[in-house]
C-alpha atoms as a PDB file:
ATOM      1  CA  MET A   1      13.723   2.985 -15.653  1.00  0.00           C
ATOM      2  CA  GLY A   2       9.852   2.209 -15.223  1.00  0.00           C
ATOM      3  CA  VAL A   3       7.023  -0.026 -13.216  1.00  0.00           C
ATOM      4  CA  VAL A   4       6.146  -3.418 -14.843  1.00  0.00           C
ATOM      5  CA  SER A   5       2.343  -4.100 -15.350  1.00  0.00           C
ATOM      6  CA  ALA A   6       1.897  -7.903 -14.989  1.00  0.00           C
ATOM      7  CA  ALA A   7      -1.066  -7.795 -16.498  1.00  0.00           C
ATOM      8  CA  THR A   8      -0.029  -5.897 -19.265  1.00  0.00           C
ATOM      9  CA  GLY A   9       4.133  -6.257 -19.371  1.00  0.00           C
ATOM     10  CA  ARG A  10       4.559  -2.836 -20.368  1.00  0.00           C
ATOM     11  CA  CYS A  11       6.513  -0.648 -18.347  1.00  0.00           C
ATOM     12  CA  LEU A  12       5.505   2.271 -16.770  1.00  0.00           C
ATOM     13  CA  ASP A  13       7.946   4.728 -15.123  1.00  0.00           C
ATOM     14  CA  GLY A  14      10.434   3.680 -12.215  1.00  0.00           C
ATOM     15  CA  PHE A  15      11.427   0.314 -12.274  1.00  0.00           C
ATOM     16  CA  HIS A  16      11.847  -2.498 -14.212  1.00  0.00           C
ATOM     17  CA  GLY A  17      11.635  -6.457 -13.427  1.00  0.00           C
ATOM     18  CA  GLN A  18      10.614  -8.129 -10.714  1.00  0.00           C
ATOM     19  CA  GLU A  19      12.958  -8.876  -8.778  1.00  0.00           C
ATOM     20  CA  ARG A  20      14.610  -6.419  -6.503  1.00  0.00           C
ATOM     21  CA  HIS A  21      17.109  -5.917  -3.740  1.00  0.00           C
ATOM     22  CA  PHE A  22      17.308  -3.491  -1.362  1.00  0.00           C
ATOM     23  CA  SER A  23      19.697  -2.019   1.251  1.00  0.00           C
ATOM     24  CA  LYS A  24      17.933  -2.656   4.460  1.00  0.00           C
ATOM     25  CA  GLY A  25      20.741  -1.284   7.435  1.00  0.00           C
ATOM     26  CA  SER A  26      23.212  -4.763   7.912  1.00  0.00           C
ATOM     27  CA  GLY A  27      22.640  -5.582   3.766  1.00  0.00           C
ATOM     28  CA  PRO A  28      21.030  -6.129   1.132  1.00  0.00           C
ATOM     29  CA  VAL A  29      17.484  -8.226   1.403  1.00  0.00           C
ATOM     30  CA  SER A  30      15.425  -9.745  -1.233  1.00  0.00           C
ATOM     31  CA  ALA A  31      12.380  -8.707  -1.977  1.00  0.00           C
ATOM     32  CA  SER A  32      10.428 -10.918  -5.014  1.00  0.00           C
ATOM     33  CA  TYR A  33       6.588  -9.941  -5.937  1.00  0.00           C
ATOM     34  CA  ASP A  34       4.151  -9.822  -8.889  1.00  0.00           C
ATOM     35  CA  LEU A  35       2.918  -6.028  -9.517  1.00  0.00           C
ATOM     36  CA  GLN A  36      -0.230  -4.928 -11.404  1.00  0.00           C
ATOM     37  CA  LEU A  37      -1.332  -1.183 -11.711  1.00  0.00           C
ATOM     38  CA  ALA A  38      -5.210  -0.440 -11.528  1.00  0.00           C
ATOM     39  CA  VAL A  39      -7.151   2.627 -13.879  1.00  0.00           C
ATOM     40  CA  PRO A  40      -8.270   4.621 -11.244  1.00  0.00           C
ATOM     41  CA  GLY A  41     -11.582   4.032 -10.060  1.00  0.00           C
ATOM     42  CA  THR A  42     -12.382   1.128 -12.616  1.00  0.00           C
ATOM     43  CA  GLY A  43     -10.318  -1.901 -10.728  1.00  0.00           C
ATOM     44  CA  GLU A  44      -9.130  -2.585 -14.073  1.00  0.00           C
ATOM     45  CA  PRO A  45      -5.217  -2.738 -15.411  1.00  0.00           C
ATOM     46  CA  GLY A  46      -3.749  -0.065 -17.333  1.00  0.00           C
ATOM     47  CA  ALA A  47      -1.558   0.637 -19.891  1.00  0.00           C
ATOM     48  CA  GLY A  48       0.010   3.746 -17.820  1.00  0.00           C
ATOM     49  CA  ASN A  49       0.979   7.061 -19.357  1.00  0.00           C
ATOM     50  CA  GLY A  50       4.617   7.418 -18.197  1.00  0.00           C
ATOM     51  CA  ARG A  51       3.812   9.677 -15.621  1.00  0.00           C
ATOM     52  CA  SER A  52       6.210  10.324 -12.430  1.00  0.00           C
ATOM     53  CA  PHE A  53       4.595   9.591  -9.556  1.00  0.00           C
ATOM     54  CA  LEU A  54       6.049  11.656  -6.595  1.00  0.00           C
ATOM     55  CA  ARG A  55       3.198  11.287  -3.655  1.00  0.00           C
ATOM     56  CA  ILE A  56       3.486   8.183  -2.901  1.00  0.00           C
ATOM     57  CA  PHE A  57       0.822   6.828  -0.717  1.00  0.00           C
ATOM     58  CA  VAL A  58       1.321   2.960   0.885  1.00  0.00           C
ATOM     59  CA  PRO A  59      -1.507   1.697   3.545  1.00  0.00           C
ATOM     60  CA  VAL A  60       0.168  -0.267   6.335  1.00  0.00           C
ATOM     61  CA  ARG A  61      -1.509  -3.494   8.098  1.00  0.00           C
ATOM     62  CA  SER A  62       1.469  -4.526   9.316  1.00  0.00           C
ATOM     63  CA  PRO A  63       5.550  -4.412   9.089  1.00  0.00           C
ATOM     64  CA  GLY A  64       5.374  -7.830   7.979  1.00  0.00           C
ATOM     65  CA  GLU A  65       2.432  -7.942   5.671  1.00  0.00           C
ATOM     66  CA  SER A  66       2.823  -4.620   4.207  1.00  0.00           C
ATOM     67  CA  ALA A  67       6.663  -5.145   3.325  1.00  0.00           C
ATOM     68  CA  ASP A  68       6.495  -5.770  -0.091  1.00  0.00           C
ATOM     69  CA  ALA A  69       4.727  -2.908  -1.164  1.00  0.00           C
ATOM     70  CA  LEU A  70       7.084  -0.903   1.436  1.00  0.00           C
ATOM     71  CA  ALA A  71       9.869  -2.163  -0.528  1.00  0.00           C
ATOM     72  CA  ALA A  72       8.143  -1.294  -4.054  1.00  0.00           C
ATOM     73  CA  ALA A  73       7.156   1.813  -3.277  1.00  0.00           C
ATOM     74  CA  THR A  74      10.805   3.053  -1.697  1.00  0.00           C
ATOM     75  CA  ARG A  75      12.403   1.459  -5.141  1.00  0.00           C
ATOM     76  CA  ILE A  76      10.033   3.693  -7.396  1.00  0.00           C
ATOM     77  CA  CYS A  77      11.017   6.708  -4.829  1.00  0.00           C
ATOM     78  CA  GLY A  78      14.513   6.280  -4.964  1.00  0.00           C
ATOM     79  CA  SER A  79      13.900   6.898  -8.600  1.00  0.00           C
ATOM     80  CA  THR A  80      12.162   9.687  -8.447  1.00  0.00           C
ATOM     81  CA  ALA A  81      13.798  12.873  -7.458  1.00  0.00           C
ATOM     82  CA  ASN A  82      11.906  15.107  -4.474  1.00  0.00           C
ATOM     83  CA  CYS A  83       9.789  11.872  -4.236  1.00  0.00           C
ATOM     84  CA  VAL A  84       7.931  11.429  -0.418  1.00  0.00           C
ATOM     85  CA  LEU A  85       5.707   8.362   0.698  1.00  0.00           C
ATOM     86  CA  ARG A  86       2.758   8.581   3.105  1.00  0.00           C
ATOM     87  CA  LEU A  87       2.343   5.291   5.900  1.00  0.00           C
ATOM     88  CA  LEU A  88      -0.919   5.065   6.510  1.00  0.00           C
ATOM     89  CA  HIS A  89      -2.431   2.681   9.195  1.00  0.00           C
ATOM     90  CA  VAL A  90      -6.314   1.862   9.921  1.00  0.00           C
ATOM     91  CA  ARG A  91      -7.123   1.516  12.928  1.00  0.00           C
ATOM     92  CA  ILE A  92      -9.776  -0.234  12.581  1.00  0.00           C
ATOM     93  CA  TYR A  93     -13.256  -0.882  15.290  1.00  0.00           C
ATOM     94  CA  ASP A  94     -16.265  -2.805  15.509  1.00  0.00           C
ATOM     95  CA  PRO A  95     -19.129  -0.530  16.577  1.00  0.00           C
ATOM     96  CA  PRO A  96     -20.569   0.074  19.934  1.00  0.00           C
ATOM     97  CA  MET A  97     -22.811  -2.950  21.223  1.00  0.00           C
ATOM     98  CA  PRO A  98     -25.999  -2.949  23.011  1.00  0.00           C
ATOM     99  CA  ARG A  99     -25.328  -1.520  26.594  1.00  0.00           C
ATOM    100  CA  CYS A 100     -21.346  -0.346  25.571  1.00  0.00           C
ATOM    101  CA  PRO A 101     -21.087   3.002  25.001  1.00  0.00           C
ATOM    102  CA  GLY A 102     -18.266   3.187  22.719  1.00  0.00           C
ATOM    103  CA  ARG A 103     -15.891   1.886  20.287  1.00  0.00           C
ATOM    104  CA  PHE A 104     -14.233  -1.581  20.365  1.00  0.00           C
ATOM    105  CA  TYR A 105     -10.558  -1.039  18.701  1.00  0.00           C
ATOM    106  CA  LEU A 106      -8.471  -4.140  18.023  1.00  0.00           C
ATOM    107  CA  GLU A 107      -5.160  -2.137  19.010  1.00  0.00           C
ATOM    108  CA  THR A 108      -4.808   0.559  20.981  1.00  0.00           C
ATOM    109  CA  ALA A 109      -3.126   4.168  19.551  1.00  0.00           C
ATOM    110  CA  ALA A 110       0.273   3.468  21.215  1.00  0.00           C
ATOM    111  CA  GLU A 111       0.219  -0.119  19.147  1.00  0.00           C
ATOM    112  CA  ALA A 112      -0.722   1.705  16.457  1.00  0.00           C
ATOM    113  CA  ALA A 113       1.796   4.537  16.353  1.00  0.00           C
ATOM    114  CA  ASP A 114       4.637   1.763  17.120  1.00  0.00           C
ATOM    115  CA  LEU A 115       3.282  -0.650  13.583  1.00  0.00           C
ATOM    116  CA  LEU A 116       4.045   2.617  12.219  1.00  0.00           C
ATOM    117  CA  ASP A 117       6.913   3.655  13.549  1.00  0.00           C
ATOM    118  CA  GLU A 118       8.723   0.173  12.018  1.00  0.00           C
ATOM    119  CA  ALA A 119       7.352   0.580   8.475  1.00  0.00           C
ATOM    120  CA  LEU A 120       9.384   4.115   8.973  1.00  0.00           C
ATOM    121  CA  LEU A 121      12.491   2.644   9.606  1.00  0.00           C
ATOM    122  CA  MET A 122      11.910  -0.135   7.080  1.00  0.00           C
ATOM    123  CA  VAL A 123      11.264   2.328   4.493  1.00  0.00           C
ATOM    124  CA  TRP A 124      14.117   5.355   5.628  1.00  0.00           C
ATOM    125  CA  GLY A 125      16.535   2.276   5.321  1.00  0.00           C
ATOM    126  CA  GLY A 126      15.829   2.295   1.610  1.00  0.00           C
ATOM    127  CA  GLY A 127      16.646   5.996   1.581  1.00  0.00           C
ATOM    128  CA  ALA A 128      12.976   7.717   0.994  1.00  0.00           C
ATOM    129  CA  GLN A 129      11.262  10.386   2.760  1.00  0.00           C
ATOM    130  CA  ALA A 130       8.565   9.567   3.961  1.00  0.00           C
ATOM    131  CA  THR A 131       5.348  10.857   6.968  1.00  0.00           C
ATOM    132  CA  THR A 132       2.705   9.032   8.554  1.00  0.00           C
ATOM    133  CA  ALA A 133      -0.664   8.915   9.274  1.00  0.00           C
ATOM    134  CA  VAL A 134      -2.843   6.733  11.625  1.00  0.00           C
ATOM    135  CA  ILE A 135      -6.911   7.224  10.971  1.00  0.00           C
ATOM    136  CA  ASP A 136      -9.832   5.645  12.806  1.00  0.00           C
ATOM    137  CA  ALA A 137     -12.793   3.673  10.592  1.00  0.00           C
ATOM    138  CA  PRO A 138     -14.858   0.698  11.457  1.00  0.00           C
ATOM    139  CA  ARG A 139     -14.035  -2.438   9.581  1.00  0.00           C
ATOM    140  CA  SER A 140     -16.591  -2.039   7.216  1.00  0.00           C
ATOM    141  CA  ASP A 141     -15.321   0.693   5.679  1.00  0.00           C
ATOM    142  CA  VAL A 142     -11.210   0.598   5.101  1.00  0.00           C
ATOM    143  CA  ALA A 143     -10.905   0.947   1.990  1.00  0.00           C
ATOM    144  CA  VAL A 144     -12.754   3.877   1.265  1.00  0.00           C
ATOM    145  CA  ALA A 145     -11.125   5.283   4.342  1.00  0.00           C
ATOM    146  CA  ILE A 146      -7.704   4.549   2.529  1.00  0.00           C
ATOM    147  CA  ALA A 147      -9.112   5.755  -0.357  1.00  0.00           C
ATOM    148  CA  ARG A 148     -10.301   9.317   0.744  1.00  0.00           C
ATOM    149  CA  GLN A 149      -7.155   9.717   2.370  1.00  0.00           C
ATOM    150  CA  ALA A 150      -5.518   9.014  -0.453  1.00  0.00           C
ATOM    151  CA  SER A 151      -7.156  11.791  -2.349  1.00  0.00           C
ATOM    152  CA  ALA A 152      -7.370  14.050   0.748  1.00  0.00           C
ATOM    153  CA  TRP A 153      -3.119  14.036   0.523  1.00  0.00           C
ATOM    154  CA  ARG A 154      -3.402  14.489  -3.589  1.00  0.00           C
ATOM    155  CA  ALA A 155      -1.308  10.827  -3.822  1.00  0.00           C
ATOM    156  CA  ASP A 156       0.016   9.704  -7.338  1.00  0.00           C
ATOM    157  CA  VAL A 157       0.009   6.589  -7.331  1.00  0.00           C
ATOM    158  CA  ILE A 158      -1.181   3.927  -4.491  1.00  0.00           C
ATOM    159  CA  VAL A 159       0.984   0.687  -3.694  1.00  0.00           C
ATOM    160  CA  LEU A 160      -0.195  -2.072  -1.366  1.00  0.00           C
ATOM    161  CA  THR A 161       0.311  -5.705  -0.853  1.00  0.00           C
ATOM    162  CA  ARG A 162      -2.749  -8.014  -2.374  1.00  0.00           C
ATOM    163  CA  ARG A 163      -2.505 -11.120   0.207  1.00  0.00           C
ATOM    164  CA  ARG A 164      -2.644 -14.417  -1.194  1.00  0.00           C
ATOM    165  CA  ARG A 165      -6.382 -15.626  -0.922  1.00  0.00           C
ATOM    166  CA  PRO A 166      -8.539 -18.220  -2.210  1.00  0.00           C
ATOM    167  CA  ALA A 167     -10.626 -16.952  -5.140  1.00  0.00           C
ATOM    168  CA  ILE A 168     -13.830 -17.716  -3.578  1.00  0.00           C
ATOM    169  CA  SER A 169     -13.163 -15.926  -0.309  1.00  0.00           C
ATOM    170  CA  ARG A 170     -12.030 -12.941  -2.338  1.00  0.00           C
ATOM    171  CA  VAL A 171     -15.470 -13.307  -4.109  1.00  0.00           C
ATOM    172  CA  VAL A 172     -17.354 -13.963  -1.034  1.00  0.00           C
ATOM    173  CA  LEU A 173     -16.110 -11.528   1.441  1.00  0.00           C
ATOM    174  CA  GLY A 174     -14.765  -9.310  -0.920  1.00  0.00           C
ATOM    175  CA  SER A 175     -11.174  -8.018  -0.628  1.00  0.00           C
ATOM    176  CA  VAL A 176      -9.687  -4.353   0.619  1.00  0.00           C
ATOM    177  CA  ALA A 177      -7.107  -4.226  -2.561  1.00  0.00           C
ATOM    178  CA  ASP A 178     -10.045  -4.683  -5.033  1.00  0.00           C
ATOM    179  CA  GLN A 179     -12.266  -1.533  -2.658  1.00  0.00           C
ATOM    180  CA  VAL A 180      -9.298   0.343  -2.411  1.00  0.00           C
ATOM    181  CA  MET A 181      -8.609   0.323  -6.952  1.00  0.00           C
ATOM    182  CA  ARG A 182     -12.704   0.910  -7.194  1.00  0.00           C
ATOM    183  CA  ASN A 183     -12.675   3.977  -5.017  1.00  0.00           C
ATOM    184  CA  ALA A 184      -9.067   5.228  -5.483  1.00  0.00           C
ATOM    185  CA  THR A 185      -9.084   8.500  -8.013  1.00  0.00           C
ATOM    186  CA  CYS A 186      -5.033   7.795  -8.643  1.00  0.00           C
ATOM    187  CA  PRO A 187      -4.055   4.719  -9.709  1.00  0.00           C
ATOM    188  CA  VAL A 188      -3.187   1.971  -7.760  1.00  0.00           C
ATOM    189  CA  LEU A 189      -0.071  -0.619  -7.694  1.00  0.00           C
ATOM    190  CA  THR A 190      -0.402  -4.225  -6.186  1.00  0.00           C
ATOM    191  CA  VAL A 191       2.099  -6.018  -4.984  1.00  0.00           C
ATOM    192  CA  LYS A 192       1.649  -9.593  -4.536  1.00  0.00           C
ATOM    193  CA  PRO A 193       4.074 -11.676  -2.666  1.00  0.00           C
ATOM    194  CA  ASN A 194       5.974 -14.820  -3.342  1.00  0.00           C
ATOM    195  CA  ARG A 195       4.534 -17.282  -1.325  1.00  0.00           C
ATOM    196  CA  LYS A 196       7.573 -18.378   1.699  1.00  0.00           C
END
């Protein structure tokens, strides 16, 4: 089995095609997505080198938004013996404001842990082994924090969802997925979910 690069059409290892069916609890769940693998540090699509992915790193924004990336990572992990997933949630904060002594977090630590627990259940439903981590990062450094954590964990690949956004929005505001591709020291597999 192999991963299909949408850009090159070449098959890497782990999967074929773009339509996937996963068993999650009561029955099969269909996930359809477009895959693209980037060469580390360039953000450019690569041809693949047939390397096996044993340590798969998945940033989780929310289980709903990251469902396709979680499904893809679970499927890749299921095709490889001794594979483990690392689910990471970045708890974003805004820097302190004048006369305010602390940081402003968009969610509590308990909410972040609950979010990862839900994602972990999705992965376990697919039969994959996984660990979780929550880190704190300023809003402007989310992509760098993800890339650093993947490098520190010695990930073989990062699998993340690339949200659908207008091109002008990505150019003006930037994209966390694009920044992760530029900063990562390992291949990055982006999953573009189909419109629902």
